[in-house]
PDB file of N, CA and C in Angstrom:
ATOM      1  N   UNK A   1      15.956   0.294  -5.215  1.00  0.00           N
ATOM      2  CA  UNK A   1      15.057  -0.641  -4.596  1.00  0.00           C
ATOM      3  C   UNK A   1      15.108  -1.988  -5.344  1.00  0.00           C
ATOM      4  N   UNK A   2      15.234  -1.972  -6.643  1.00  0.00           N
ATOM      5  CA  UNK A   2      15.205  -3.241  -7.369  1.00  0.00           C
ATOM      6  C   UNK A   2      16.349  -4.166  -7.052  1.00  0.00           C
ATOM      7  N   UNK A   3      17.346  -3.681  -6.387  1.00  0.00           N
ATOM      8  CA  UNK A   3      18.465  -4.555  -6.025  1.00  0.00           C
ATOM      9  C   UNK A   3      18.154  -5.482  -4.900  1.00  0.00           C
ATOM     10  N   UNK A   4      16.997  -5.327  -4.216  1.00  0.00           N
ATOM     11  CA  UNK A   4      16.642  -6.181  -3.119  1.00  0.00           C
ATOM     12  C   UNK A   4      15.449  -7.096  -3.431  1.00  0.00           C
ATOM     13  N   UNK A   5      15.019  -7.145  -4.705  1.00  0.00           N
ATOM     14  CA  UNK A   5      13.935  -8.011  -5.080  1.00  0.00           C
ATOM     15  C   UNK A   5      14.423  -9.058  -6.082  1.00  0.00           C
ATOM     16  N   UNK A   6      13.651 -10.046  -6.306  1.00  0.00           N
ATOM     17  CA  UNK A   6      14.056 -11.163  -7.232  1.00  0.00           C
ATOM     18  C   UNK A   6      14.076 -10.655  -8.634  1.00  0.00           C
ATOM     19  N   UNK A   7      14.754 -11.369  -9.507  1.00  0.00           N
ATOM     20  CA  UNK A   7      14.875 -11.020 -10.964  1.00  0.00           C
ATOM     21  C   UNK A   7      13.465 -11.008 -11.589  1.00  0.00           C
ATOM     22  N   UNK A   8      12.614 -12.028 -11.148  1.00  0.00           N
ATOM     23  CA  UNK A   8      11.250 -12.074 -11.692  1.00  0.00           C
ATOM     24  C   UNK A   8      10.410 -10.852 -11.294  1.00  0.00           C
ATOM     25  N   UNK A   9      10.581 -10.448 -10.058  1.00  0.00           N
ATOM     26  CA  UNK A   9       9.867  -9.267  -9.548  1.00  0.00           C
ATOM     27  C   UNK A   9      10.389  -8.020 -10.257  1.00  0.00           C
ATOM     28  N   UNK A  10      11.688  -7.950 -10.449  1.00  0.00           N
ATOM     29  CA  UNK A  10      12.286  -6.762 -11.124  1.00  0.00           C
ATOM     30  C   UNK A  10      11.783  -6.679 -12.552  1.00  0.00           C
ATOM     31  N   UNK A  11      11.728  -7.848 -13.259  1.00  0.00           N
ATOM     32  CA  UNK A  11      11.193  -7.838 -14.595  1.00  0.00           C
ATOM     33  C   UNK A  11       9.767  -7.396 -14.651  1.00  0.00           C
ATOM     34  N   UNK A  12       8.976  -7.912 -13.725  1.00  0.00           N
ATOM     35  CA  UNK A  12       7.558  -7.540 -13.625  1.00  0.00           C
ATOM     36  C   UNK A  12       7.411  -6.043 -13.402  1.00  0.00           C
ATOM     37  N   UNK A  13       8.276  -5.464 -12.595  1.00  0.00           N
ATOM     38  CA  UNK A  13       8.249  -4.030 -12.266  1.00  0.00           C
ATOM     39  C   UNK A  13       8.523  -3.253 -13.514  1.00  0.00           C
ATOM     40  N   UNK A  14       9.573  -3.606 -14.283  1.00  0.00           N
ATOM     41  CA  UNK A  14       9.886  -2.925 -15.506  1.00  0.00           C
ATOM     42  C   UNK A  14       8.762  -3.101 -16.565  1.00  0.00           C
ATOM     43  N   UNK A  15       8.245  -4.274 -16.654  1.00  0.00           N
ATOM     44  CA  UNK A  15       7.204  -4.513 -17.612  1.00  0.00           C
ATOM     45  C   UNK A  15       5.970  -3.700 -17.332  1.00  0.00           C
ATOM     46  N   UNK A  16       5.594  -3.603 -16.057  1.00  0.00           N
ATOM     47  CA  UNK A  16       4.413  -2.772 -15.711  1.00  0.00           C
ATOM     48  C   UNK A  16       4.719  -1.291 -15.944  1.00  0.00           C
ATOM     49  N   UNK A  17       5.861  -0.839 -15.516  1.00  0.00           N
ATOM     50  CA  UNK A  17       6.156   0.591 -15.590  1.00  0.00           C
ATOM     51  C   UNK A  17       6.276   1.030 -17.074  1.00  0.00           C
ATOM     52  N   UNK A  18       6.818   0.124 -17.944  1.00  0.00           N
ATOM     53  CA  UNK A  18       7.055   0.536 -19.327  1.00  0.00           C
ATOM     54  C   UNK A  18       5.971   0.168 -20.299  1.00  0.00           C
ATOM     55  N   UNK A  19       5.145  -0.802 -20.018  1.00  0.00           N
ATOM     56  CA  UNK A  19       4.115  -1.244 -20.972  1.00  0.00           C
ATOM     57  C   UNK A  19       2.657  -1.142 -20.356  1.00  0.00           C
ATOM     58  N   UNK A  20       2.420  -1.883 -19.360  1.00  0.00           N
ATOM     59  CA  UNK A  20       1.022  -1.939 -18.831  1.00  0.00           C
ATOM     60  C   UNK A  20       0.517  -0.602 -18.329  1.00  0.00           C
ATOM     61  N   UNK A  21       1.358   0.151 -17.728  1.00  0.00           N
ATOM     62  CA  UNK A  21       0.959   1.437 -17.147  1.00  0.00           C
ATOM     63  C   UNK A  21       0.365   2.345 -18.274  1.00  0.00           C
ATOM     64  N   UNK A  22       0.959   2.366 -19.415  1.00  0.00           N
ATOM     65  CA  UNK A  22       0.448   3.168 -20.545  1.00  0.00           C
ATOM     66  C   UNK A  22      -0.853   2.587 -21.079  1.00  0.00           C
ATOM     67  N   UNK A  23      -0.979   1.290 -21.111  1.00  0.00           N
ATOM     68  CA  UNK A  23      -2.193   0.672 -21.633  1.00  0.00           C
ATOM     69  C   UNK A  23      -3.361   0.926 -20.722  1.00  0.00           C
ATOM     70  N   UNK A  24      -3.092   0.962 -19.400  1.00  0.00           N
ATOM     71  CA  UNK A  24      -4.210   1.113 -18.429  1.00  0.00           C
ATOM     72  C   UNK A  24      -4.583   2.578 -18.210  1.00  0.00           C
ATOM     73  N   UNK A  25      -3.746   3.466 -18.588  1.00  0.00           N
ATOM     74  CA  UNK A  25      -3.977   4.895 -18.262  1.00  0.00           C
ATOM     75  C   UNK A  25      -5.327   5.391 -18.868  1.00  0.00           C
ATOM     76  N   UNK A  26      -5.555   5.088 -20.144  1.00  0.00           N
ATOM     77  CA  UNK A  26      -6.784   5.539 -20.795  1.00  0.00           C
ATOM     78  C   UNK A  26      -8.020   4.859 -20.188  1.00  0.00           C
ATOM     79  N   UNK A  27      -7.952   3.579 -19.834  1.00  0.00           N
ATOM     80  CA  UNK A  27      -9.022   2.820 -19.243  1.00  0.00           C
ATOM     81  C   UNK A  27      -9.382   3.394 -17.829  1.00  0.00           C
ATOM     82  N   UNK A  28      -8.373   3.573 -17.056  1.00  0.00           N
ATOM     83  CA  UNK A  28      -8.603   4.007 -15.680  1.00  0.00           C
ATOM     84  C   UNK A  28      -9.109   5.407 -15.622  1.00  0.00           C
ATOM     85  N   UNK A  29      -8.691   6.234 -16.523  1.00  0.00           N
ATOM     86  CA  UNK A  29      -9.203   7.645 -16.526  1.00  0.00           C
ATOM     87  C   UNK A  29     -10.698   7.735 -16.778  1.00  0.00           C
ATOM     88  N   UNK A  30     -11.286   6.688 -17.366  1.00  0.00           N
ATOM     89  CA  UNK A  30     -12.731   6.673 -17.636  1.00  0.00           C
ATOM     90  C   UNK A  30     -13.579   6.105 -16.482  1.00  0.00           C
ATOM     91  N   UNK A  31     -12.890   5.518 -15.507  1.00  0.00           N
ATOM     92  CA  UNK A  31     -13.620   4.919 -14.366  1.00  0.00           C
ATOM     93  C   UNK A  31     -14.206   5.990 -13.415  1.00  0.00           C
ATOM     94  N   UNK A  32     -15.378   5.745 -12.971  1.00  0.00           N
ATOM     95  CA  UNK A  32     -15.952   6.658 -12.006  1.00  0.00           C
ATOM     96  C   UNK A  32     -15.560   6.173 -10.581  1.00  0.00           C
ATOM     97  N   UNK A  33     -15.675   7.072  -9.607  1.00  0.00           N
ATOM     98  CA  UNK A  33     -15.335   6.696  -8.249  1.00  0.00           C
ATOM     99  C   UNK A  33     -16.304   5.602  -7.739  1.00  0.00           C
ATOM    100  N   UNK A  34     -17.584   5.694  -8.094  1.00  0.00           N
ATOM    101  CA  UNK A  34     -18.531   4.686  -7.620  1.00  0.00           C
ATOM    102  C   UNK A  34     -18.294   3.333  -8.225  1.00  0.00           C
ATOM    103  N   UNK A  35     -17.700   3.303  -9.449  1.00  0.00           N
ATOM    104  CA  UNK A  35     -17.372   1.964  -9.976  1.00  0.00           C
ATOM    105  C   UNK A  35     -16.232   1.325  -9.249  1.00  0.00           C
ATOM    106  N   UNK A  36     -15.438   2.131  -8.512  1.00  0.00           N
ATOM    107  CA  UNK A  36     -14.353   1.611  -7.731  1.00  0.00           C
ATOM    108  C   UNK A  36     -14.741   1.346  -6.303  1.00  0.00           C
ATOM    109  N   UNK A  37     -16.050   1.542  -6.001  1.00  0.00           N
ATOM    110  CA  UNK A  37     -16.551   1.320  -4.628  1.00  0.00           C
ATOM    111  C   UNK A  37     -16.334   2.560  -3.745  1.00  0.00           C
ATOM    112  N   UNK A  38     -16.034   3.665  -4.320  1.00  0.00           N
ATOM    113  CA  UNK A  38     -15.834   4.901  -3.534  1.00  0.00           C
ATOM    114  C   UNK A  38     -17.059   5.813  -3.710  1.00  0.00           C
ATOM    115  N   UNK A  39     -17.704   6.034  -2.573  1.00  0.00           N
ATOM    116  CA  UNK A  39     -18.865   6.924  -2.605  1.00  0.00           C
ATOM    117  C   UNK A  39     -18.359   8.366  -2.474  1.00  0.00           C
ATOM    118  N   UNK A  40     -18.849   9.285  -3.279  1.00  0.00           N
ATOM    119  CA  UNK A  40     -18.440  10.678  -3.226  1.00  0.00           C
ATOM    120  C   UNK A  40     -18.790  11.194  -1.818  1.00  0.00           C
ATOM    121  N   UNK A  41     -17.854  11.856  -1.154  1.00  0.00           N
ATOM    122  CA  UNK A  41     -18.058  12.405   0.148  1.00  0.00           C
ATOM    123  C   UNK A  41     -18.113  13.884   0.080  1.00  0.00           C
ATOM    124  N   UNK A  42     -19.358  14.382   0.274  1.00  0.00           N
ATOM    125  CA  UNK A  42     -19.543  15.809   0.198  1.00  0.00           C
ATOM    126  C   UNK A  42     -18.923  16.516   1.438  1.00  0.00           C
ATOM    127  N   UNK A  43     -18.964  15.834   2.565  1.00  0.00           N
ATOM    128  CA  UNK A  43     -18.387  16.343   3.801  1.00  0.00           C
ATOM    129  C   UNK A  43     -16.937  15.980   3.841  1.00  0.00           C
ATOM    130  N   UNK A  44     -16.044  16.941   3.724  1.00  0.00           N
ATOM    131  CA  UNK A  44     -14.645  16.688   3.653  1.00  0.00           C
ATOM    132  C   UNK A  44     -13.913  16.614   5.002  1.00  0.00           C
ATOM    133  N   UNK A  45     -14.755  16.768   6.083  1.00  0.00           N
ATOM    134  CA  UNK A  45     -14.127  16.725   7.419  1.00  0.00           C
ATOM    135  C   UNK A  45     -13.687  15.315   7.807  1.00  0.00           C
ATOM    136  N   UNK A  46     -12.629  15.185   8.521  1.00  0.00           N
ATOM    137  CA  UNK A  46     -12.119  13.928   8.960  1.00  0.00           C
ATOM    138  C   UNK A  46     -12.655  13.569  10.309  1.00  0.00           C
ATOM    139  N   UNK A  47     -13.212  12.401  10.499  1.00  0.00           N
ATOM    140  CA  UNK A  47     -13.725  11.944  11.785  1.00  0.00           C
ATOM    141  C   UNK A  47     -12.503  11.428  12.578  1.00  0.00           C
ATOM    142  N   UNK A  48     -11.995  12.328  13.414  1.00  0.00           N
ATOM    143  CA  UNK A  48     -10.745  11.999  14.175  1.00  0.00           C
ATOM    144  C   UNK A  48     -10.929  10.815  15.078  1.00  0.00           C
ATOM    145  N   UNK A  49     -12.078  10.712  15.716  1.00  0.00           N
ATOM    146  CA  UNK A  49     -12.352   9.523  16.589  1.00  0.00           C
ATOM    147  C   UNK A  49     -12.360   8.225  15.810  1.00  0.00           C
ATOM    148  N   UNK A  50     -12.953   8.247  14.615  1.00  0.00           N
ATOM    149  CA  UNK A  50     -12.937   7.058  13.794  1.00  0.00           C
ATOM    150  C   UNK A  50     -11.504   6.762  13.324  1.00  0.00           C
ATOM    151  N   UNK A  51     -10.707   7.754  12.954  1.00  0.00           N
ATOM    152  CA  UNK A  51      -9.362   7.586  12.548  1.00  0.00           C
ATOM    153  C   UNK A  51      -8.522   6.922  13.636  1.00  0.00           C
ATOM    154  N   UNK A  52      -8.729   7.456  14.908  1.00  0.00           N
ATOM    155  CA  UNK A  52      -8.001   6.860  16.043  1.00  0.00           C
ATOM    156  C   UNK A  52      -8.361   5.465  16.270  1.00  0.00           C
ATOM    157  N   UNK A  53      -9.620   5.126  16.129  1.00  0.00           N
ATOM    158  CA  UNK A  53     -10.154   3.774  16.323  1.00  0.00           C
ATOM    159  C   UNK A  53      -9.519   2.778  15.258  1.00  0.00           C
ATOM    160  N   UNK A  54      -9.483   3.288  14.010  1.00  0.00           N
ATOM    161  CA  UNK A  54      -8.929   2.434  12.961  1.00  0.00           C
ATOM    162  C   UNK A  54      -7.423   2.244  13.162  1.00  0.00           C
ATOM    163  N   UNK A  55      -6.718   3.288  13.545  1.00  0.00           N
ATOM    164  CA  UNK A  55      -5.294   3.194  13.786  1.00  0.00           C
ATOM    165  C   UNK A  55      -4.997   2.245  14.986  1.00  0.00           C
ATOM    166  N   UNK A  56      -5.839   2.343  16.007  1.00  0.00           N
ATOM    167  CA  UNK A  56      -5.706   1.438  17.139  1.00  0.00           C
ATOM    168  C   UNK A  56      -5.908  -0.036  16.728  1.00  0.00           C
ATOM    169  N   UNK A  57      -6.905  -0.257  15.929  1.00  0.00           N
ATOM    170  CA  UNK A  57      -7.214  -1.635  15.463  1.00  0.00           C
ATOM    171  C   UNK A  57      -6.059  -2.166  14.606  1.00  0.00           C
ATOM    172  N   UNK A  58      -5.487  -1.284  13.718  1.00  0.00           N
ATOM    173  CA  UNK A  58      -4.350  -1.740  12.898  1.00  0.00           C
ATOM    174  C   UNK A  58      -3.134  -2.064  13.736  1.00  0.00           C
ATOM    175  N   UNK A  59      -2.860  -1.137  14.613  1.00  0.00           N
ATOM    176  CA  UNK A  59      -1.624  -1.308  15.489  1.00  0.00           C
ATOM    177  C   UNK A  59      -1.717  -2.499  16.447  1.00  0.00           C
ATOM    178  N   UNK A  60      -2.931  -2.897  16.800  1.00  0.00           N
ATOM    179  CA  UNK A  60      -3.116  -3.997  17.694  1.00  0.00           C
ATOM    180  C   UNK A  60      -3.523  -5.298  17.028  1.00  0.00           C
ATOM    181  N   UNK A  61      -3.437  -5.326  15.708  1.00  0.00           N
ATOM    182  CA  UNK A  61      -3.711  -6.528  14.991  1.00  0.00           C
ATOM    183  C   UNK A  61      -2.594  -7.543  15.318  1.00  0.00           C
ATOM    184  N   UNK A  62      -2.970  -8.854  15.448  1.00  0.00           N
ATOM    185  CA  UNK A  62      -2.007  -9.850  15.780  1.00  0.00           C
ATOM    186  C   UNK A  62      -0.770  -9.876  14.840  1.00  0.00           C
ATOM    187  N   UNK A  63      -0.969  -9.637  13.557  1.00  0.00           N
ATOM    188  CA  UNK A  63       0.148  -9.713  12.626  1.00  0.00           C
ATOM    189  C   UNK A  63       1.123  -8.503  12.884  1.00  0.00           C
ATOM    190  N   UNK A  64       0.587  -7.368  13.318  1.00  0.00           N
ATOM    191  CA  UNK A  64       1.428  -6.230  13.648  1.00  0.00           C
ATOM    192  C   UNK A  64       2.327  -6.550  14.911  1.00  0.00           C
ATOM    193  N   UNK A  65       1.677  -7.263  15.854  1.00  0.00           N
ATOM    194  CA  UNK A  65       2.458  -7.653  17.083  1.00  0.00           C
ATOM    195  C   UNK A  65       3.611  -8.630  16.705  1.00  0.00           C
ATOM    196  N   UNK A  66       3.296  -9.576  15.850  1.00  0.00           N
ATOM    197  CA  UNK A  66       4.267 -10.531  15.357  1.00  0.00           C
ATOM    198  C   UNK A  66       5.357  -9.773  14.615  1.00  0.00           C
ATOM    199  N   UNK A  67       5.000  -8.853  13.729  1.00  0.00           N
ATOM    200  CA  UNK A  67       5.977  -8.075  12.998  1.00  0.00           C
ATOM    201  C   UNK A  67       6.903  -7.274  13.881  1.00  0.00           C
ATOM    202  N   UNK A  68       6.381  -6.702  14.934  1.00  0.00           N
ATOM    203  CA  UNK A  68       7.163  -5.929  15.881  1.00  0.00           C
ATOM    204  C   UNK A  68       8.208  -6.879  16.527  1.00  0.00           C
ATOM    205  N   UNK A  69       7.827  -8.063  16.931  1.00  0.00           N
ATOM    206  CA  UNK A  69       8.772  -9.020  17.570  1.00  0.00           C
ATOM    207  C   UNK A  69       9.835  -9.440  16.535  1.00  0.00           C
ATOM    208  N   UNK A  70       9.424  -9.688  15.280  1.00  0.00           N
ATOM    209  CA  UNK A  70      10.402 -10.062  14.246  1.00  0.00           C
ATOM    210  C   UNK A  70      11.387  -8.969  13.972  1.00  0.00           C
ATOM    211  N   UNK A  71      10.905  -7.741  13.917  1.00  0.00           N
ATOM    212  CA  UNK A  71      11.811  -6.625  13.589  1.00  0.00           C
ATOM    213  C   UNK A  71      12.812  -6.460  14.782  1.00  0.00           C
ATOM    214  N   UNK A  72      12.390  -6.706  15.969  1.00  0.00           N
ATOM    215  CA  UNK A  72      13.340  -6.597  17.125  1.00  0.00           C
ATOM    216  C   UNK A  72      14.474  -7.580  16.998  1.00  0.00           C
ATOM    217  N   UNK A  73      14.212  -8.768  16.439  1.00  0.00           N
ATOM    218  CA  UNK A  73      15.205  -9.788  16.290  1.00  0.00           C
ATOM    219  C   UNK A  73      16.160  -9.585  15.118  1.00  0.00           C
ATOM    220  N   UNK A  74      15.851  -8.659  14.263  1.00  0.00           N
ATOM    221  CA  UNK A  74      16.642  -8.432  13.005  1.00  0.00           C
ATOM    222  C   UNK A  74      17.631  -7.296  13.233  1.00  0.00           C
ATOM    223  N   UNK A  75      18.382  -7.390  14.274  1.00  0.00           N
ATOM    224  CA  UNK A  75      19.323  -6.322  14.622  1.00  0.00           C
ATOM    225  C   UNK A  75      20.473  -6.196  13.642  1.00  0.00           C
ATOM    226  N   UNK A  76      20.766  -7.277  12.909  1.00  0.00           N
ATOM    227  CA  UNK A  76      21.937  -7.233  11.968  1.00  0.00           C
ATOM    228  C   UNK A  76      21.554  -6.583  10.657  1.00  0.00           C
ATOM    229  N   UNK A  77      20.266  -6.412  10.394  1.00  0.00           N
ATOM    230  CA  UNK A  77      19.822  -5.914   9.098  1.00  0.00           C
ATOM    231  C   UNK A  77      19.858  -4.414   9.089  1.00  0.00           C
ATOM    232  N   UNK A  78      20.328  -3.893   7.931  1.00  0.00           N
ATOM    233  CA  UNK A  78      20.423  -2.455   7.745  1.00  0.00           C
ATOM    234  C   UNK A  78      19.065  -1.871   7.400  1.00  0.00           C
ATOM    235  N   UNK A  79      18.746  -0.722   7.945  1.00  0.00           N
ATOM    236  CA  UNK A  79      17.489  -0.027   7.626  1.00  0.00           C
ATOM    237  C   UNK A  79      17.565   0.482   6.187  1.00  0.00           C
ATOM    238  N   UNK A  80      16.544   0.110   5.384  1.00  0.00           N
ATOM    239  CA  UNK A  80      16.571   0.509   3.989  1.00  0.00           C
ATOM    240  C   UNK A  80      15.960   1.843   3.735  1.00  0.00           C
ATOM    241  N   UNK A  81      15.342   2.455   4.732  1.00  0.00           N
ATOM    242  CA  UNK A  81      14.609   3.708   4.523  1.00  0.00           C
ATOM    243  C   UNK A  81      15.202   4.812   5.283  1.00  0.00           C
TER     244      UNK A  81
END
């Protein structure tokens, strides 16, 4: 993957993976879910209607429509995935 990003981004990736990740591990392990804005959910069921609504909103967002058109025009590009 790093062959398709800039040298600066590649350096940042290595720096984070090799240095910052280890420094943050201890700090992050002490964080509570509520401090991250996540409320504990006792009910583990998924609201399928809500999920469908969210997916519909994401798929119909103007930027997604633009992205679809742009990807259609990139026929010469190789799929990376």
